């Protein structure tokens, strides 16, 4: 597991900000290493520094707007989202389907002013059958079987989720049979690379394993 992922998971489990020494001790890193990684996360707006220490920058906006059920989905998807972002530095989003409408409840986006640096828009909605995330979730619901595990299917859309960007999405299943999707948006040739598709499938499998831990 990456060092950045360890820090994100550690902060995600805390209800109050944590100081540098506590974080370094909690993830078994040198303070200099933890400080460097926290500085990177702060620059990318993943964490914020307060007078009391460091905390996830989106805890209030994302978890509060998403509700308790989506907070569970987010917690289990976070590791996979971070892994995908760290390997691609493209737009990574956590999407949920509600009444066949898709919305984004969390994301990692590159800093700066590029086409991939899009602020999260909680109000935007897409019809599920028209976009990659929605199709991935709907397909998983049709295929779900209590006795047979089906390989996660990657769905795609070209410019439907985000204008001029190619999007791939994989379904993730969490406690209580909640279904969501992790999507990746960027240039078509980059998103469609075989190694990226393999990584997304691996993320879906890992989330399925997390679900198994909850229901076993």
Protein backbone atom coordinates (compact mmCIF):
# COMPACT_ATOMS: atom_id res chain seq x y z
CA UNK A 1 0.00 0.00 0.00
CA UNK A 2 1.35 3.48 -0.89
CA UNK A 3 2.49 5.89 1.82
CA UNK A 4 -0.02 8.52 0.70
CA UNK A 5 -2.81 5.96 0.90
CA UNK A 6 -1.78 5.11 4.46
CA UNK A 7 -2.02 8.76 5.47
CA UNK A 8 -5.44 9.19 3.83
CA UNK A 9 -6.80 6.09 5.52
CA UNK A 10 -5.40 7.18 8.89
CA UNK A 11 -6.99 10.63 8.68
CA UNK A 12 -10.24 9.13 7.41
CA UNK A 13 -10.57 7.18 10.65
CA UNK A 14 -10.13 10.26 12.84
CA UNK A 15 -12.93 12.55 13.97
CA UNK A 16 -10.61 15.44 14.89
CA UNK A 17 -7.46 16.92 13.27
CA UNK A 18 -4.18 15.12 13.97
CA UNK A 19 -0.73 16.57 14.50
CA UNK A 20 2.28 15.65 12.39
CA UNK A 21 3.87 13.48 15.10
CA UNK A 22 0.66 11.52 15.63
CA UNK A 23 0.23 10.92 11.91
CA UNK A 24 3.84 9.84 11.44
CA UNK A 25 3.58 7.47 14.39
CA UNK A 26 0.21 6.11 13.26
CA UNK A 27 1.43 5.17 9.76
CA UNK A 28 4.98 4.23 10.80
CA UNK A 29 6.76 6.93 8.78
CA UNK A 30 9.56 9.31 9.60
CA UNK A 31 8.27 12.77 10.47
CA UNK A 32 10.17 14.30 7.53
CA UNK A 33 8.53 11.83 5.12
CA UNK A 34 5.08 12.37 6.59
CA UNK A 35 5.53 16.15 6.42
CA UNK A 36 6.56 15.98 2.75
CA UNK A 37 3.58 13.80 1.82
CA UNK A 38 1.15 15.95 3.79
CA UNK A 39 2.50 19.03 2.00
CA UNK A 40 1.76 17.30 -1.33
CA UNK A 41 -1.75 16.34 -0.23
CA UNK A 42 -2.39 19.87 1.02
CA UNK A 43 -1.27 21.34 -2.32
CA UNK A 44 -3.72 19.01 -4.10
CA UNK A 45 -6.50 19.96 -1.65
CA UNK A 46 -6.88 16.41 -0.35
CA UNK A 47 -6.04 17.47 3.23
CA UNK A 48 -6.06 20.82 4.98
CA UNK A 49 -3.95 22.10 7.83
CA UNK A 50 -5.65 23.73 10.81
CA UNK A 51 -4.35 25.11 14.09
CA UNK A 52 -5.14 21.70 15.62
CA UNK A 53 -3.42 19.64 12.93
CA UNK A 54 -4.29 17.97 9.63
CA UNK A 55 -7.66 16.64 8.47
CA UNK A 56 -9.28 15.51 5.23
CA UNK A 57 -10.29 18.66 3.40
CA UNK A 58 -13.57 17.28 2.07
CA UNK A 59 -14.93 15.61 5.21
CA UNK A 60 -17.68 18.17 5.76
CA UNK A 61 -18.69 18.86 2.15
CA UNK A 62 -18.56 15.32 0.81
CA UNK A 63 -19.72 13.23 3.74
CA UNK A 64 -22.32 15.74 4.84
CA UNK A 65 -23.94 16.06 1.44
CA UNK A 66 -23.68 12.37 0.61
CA UNK A 67 -25.30 11.11 3.80
CA UNK A 68 -24.40 8.14 6.01
CA UNK A 69 -24.89 5.50 3.32
CA UNK A 70 -22.59 7.25 0.90
CA UNK A 71 -20.02 7.86 3.61
CA UNK A 72 -19.71 4.07 3.90
CA UNK A 73 -19.27 3.76 0.14
CA UNK A 74 -16.71 6.56 0.16
CA UNK A 75 -14.69 5.04 2.96
CA UNK A 76 -14.29 1.74 1.15
CA UNK A 77 -13.73 3.32 -2.26
CA UNK A 78 -11.11 5.81 -1.06
CA UNK A 79 -8.17 3.41 -1.19
CA UNK A 80 -8.93 2.41 -4.78
CA UNK A 81 -9.59 5.98 -5.88
CA UNK A 82 -6.29 7.15 -4.44
CA UNK A 83 -4.39 4.29 -6.06
CA UNK A 84 -5.94 5.11 -9.43
CA UNK A 85 -5.21 8.82 -9.07
CA UNK A 86 -1.62 8.26 -7.98
CA UNK A 87 -0.96 6.06 -11.04
CA UNK A 88 -2.68 8.27 -13.63
CA UNK A 89 -3.03 11.87 -12.29
CA UNK A 90 -6.28 12.08 -14.21
CA UNK A 91 -9.80 12.89 -12.97
CA UNK A 92 -11.02 10.12 -10.63
CA UNK A 93 -14.61 10.21 -9.35
CA UNK A 94 -16.87 8.22 -7.07
CA UNK A 95 -20.32 8.00 -8.63
CA UNK A 96 -23.59 6.70 -7.18
CA UNK A 97 -26.83 5.80 -8.93
CA UNK A 98 -30.08 6.97 -7.37
CA UNK A 99 -33.35 6.28 -9.20
CA UNK A 100 -31.38 5.67 -12.42
CA UNK A 101 -29.68 9.06 -12.14
CA UNK A 102 -25.92 9.34 -11.59
CA UNK A 103 -24.21 11.90 -9.42
CA UNK A 104 -20.67 12.42 -8.12
CA UNK A 105 -20.11 12.26 -4.36
CA UNK A 106 -16.31 12.55 -4.28
CA UNK A 107 -13.32 13.00 -6.58
CA UNK A 108 -9.61 13.55 -6.96
CA UNK A 109 -8.59 16.00 -9.66
CA UNK A 110 -5.17 17.31 -10.74
CA UNK A 111 -4.31 20.83 -9.51
CA UNK A 112 -4.11 23.67 -11.99
CA UNK A 113 -6.27 24.83 -14.88
CA UNK A 114 -6.19 21.84 -17.24
CA UNK A 115 -9.30 20.16 -18.63
CA UNK A 116 -8.91 17.49 -15.94
CA UNK A 117 -8.91 20.00 -13.07
CA UNK A 118 -12.66 20.21 -12.59
CA UNK A 119 -14.15 21.20 -9.23
CA UNK A 120 -16.63 18.67 -7.89
CA UNK A 121 -20.23 19.56 -8.74
CA UNK A 122 -22.66 17.88 -6.33
CA UNK A 123 -25.66 19.26 -8.20
CA UNK A 124 -24.95 17.79 -11.61
CA UNK A 125 -26.90 14.70 -12.69
CA UNK A 126 -26.61 12.29 -15.61
CA UNK A 127 -29.05 9.65 -16.85
CA UNK A 128 -27.58 6.31 -15.78
CA UNK A 129 -27.96 4.56 -19.13
CA UNK A 130 -26.09 7.35 -20.94
CA UNK A 131 -22.80 7.44 -18.99
CA UNK A 132 -20.08 4.95 -18.09
CA UNK A 133 -20.63 4.96 -14.32
CA UNK A 134 -24.37 4.41 -14.66
CA UNK A 135 -24.01 1.61 -17.17
CA UNK A 136 -21.41 -0.13 -15.00
CA UNK A 137 -23.75 -0.07 -11.99
CA UNK A 138 -26.88 -1.08 -13.91
CA UNK A 139 -25.06 -3.97 -15.55
CA UNK A 140 -23.82 -5.18 -12.15
CA UNK A 141 -27.33 -5.15 -10.74
CA UNK A 142 -28.59 -7.29 -13.62
CA UNK A 143 -25.70 -9.75 -13.32
CA UNK A 144 -25.56 -10.08 -9.55
CA UNK A 145 -25.97 -13.66 -8.35
CA UNK A 146 -25.68 -14.94 -4.78
CA UNK A 147 -23.91 -18.12 -5.95
CA UNK A 148 -21.69 -16.86 -8.77
CA UNK A 149 -19.14 -14.06 -8.91
CA UNK A 150 -18.98 -12.33 -12.28
CA UNK A 151 -15.88 -10.42 -13.38
CA UNK A 152 -16.42 -6.65 -13.03
CA UNK A 153 -17.28 -5.08 -16.35
CA UNK A 154 -15.69 -1.81 -17.41
CA UNK A 155 -18.07 0.62 -19.08
CA UNK A 156 -17.05 3.56 -21.24
CA UNK A 157 -18.43 6.82 -22.57
CA UNK A 158 -16.87 9.35 -24.90
CA UNK A 159 -17.65 12.92 -23.88
CA UNK A 160 -20.96 12.09 -22.19
CA UNK A 161 -19.83 12.48 -18.58
CA UNK A 162 -17.33 15.24 -19.35
CA UNK A 163 -17.08 17.15 -22.63
CA UNK A 164 -13.99 16.18 -24.67
CA UNK A 165 -12.92 13.54 -22.14
CA UNK A 166 -13.10 9.75 -22.43
CA UNK A 167 -14.42 8.03 -19.30
CA UNK A 168 -14.10 4.47 -18.01
CA UNK A 169 -15.93 3.17 -14.94
CA UNK A 170 -16.04 0.01 -12.83
CA UNK A 171 -18.76 -0.97 -10.36
CA UNK A 172 -17.97 -1.41 -6.67
CA UNK A 173 -20.15 -3.25 -4.18
CA UNK A 174 -20.14 -2.29 -0.53
CA UNK A 175 -21.92 -3.29 2.69
CA UNK A 176 -25.67 -3.61 2.36
CA UNK A 177 -25.40 -4.29 -1.39
CA UNK A 178 -24.95 -0.62 -2.14
CA UNK A 179 -23.59 -0.20 -5.63
CA UNK A 180 -21.49 2.68 -6.88
CA UNK A 181 -18.78 3.16 -9.49
CA UNK A 182 -15.27 4.55 -9.66
CA UNK A 183 -14.65 6.41 -12.90
CA UNK A 184 -11.55 7.72 -14.62
CA UNK A 185 -11.71 10.55 -17.16
CA UNK A 186 -8.96 11.80 -19.47
CA UNK A 187 -7.58 11.50 -23.01
CA UNK A 188 -8.98 8.47 -24.82
CA UNK A 189 -5.63 6.81 -25.54
CA UNK A 190 -4.56 7.14 -21.91
CA UNK A 191 -7.79 5.89 -20.34
CA UNK A 192 -8.09 2.95 -22.74
CA UNK A 193 -4.59 1.60 -22.03
CA UNK A 194 -4.57 -2.08 -21.09
CA UNK A 195 -2.69 -1.50 -17.83
CA UNK A 196 -5.21 1.14 -16.75
CA UNK A 197 -8.13 -1.18 -17.46
CA UNK A 198 -6.41 -3.95 -15.50
CA UNK A 199 -5.87 -1.60 -12.58
CA UNK A 200 -9.54 -0.57 -12.57
CA UNK A 201 -10.66 -4.20 -12.60
CA UNK A 202 -8.33 -4.89 -9.69
CA UNK A 203 -9.85 -2.01 -7.74
CA UNK A 204 -13.35 -3.42 -8.29
CA UNK A 205 -12.20 -6.82 -7.01
CA UNK A 206 -10.65 -5.24 -3.91
CA UNK A 207 -13.89 -3.44 -3.11
CA UNK A 208 -15.75 -6.72 -3.51
CA UNK A 209 -13.32 -8.26 -1.00
CA UNK A 210 -14.09 -5.42 1.45
CA UNK A 211 -17.79 -6.18 1.04
CA UNK A 212 -17.11 -9.84 1.82
CA UNK A 213 -15.47 -8.84 5.10
CA UNK A 214 -18.64 -6.97 6.08
CA UNK A 215 -21.13 -9.72 5.21
CA UNK A 216 -19.12 -12.81 6.25
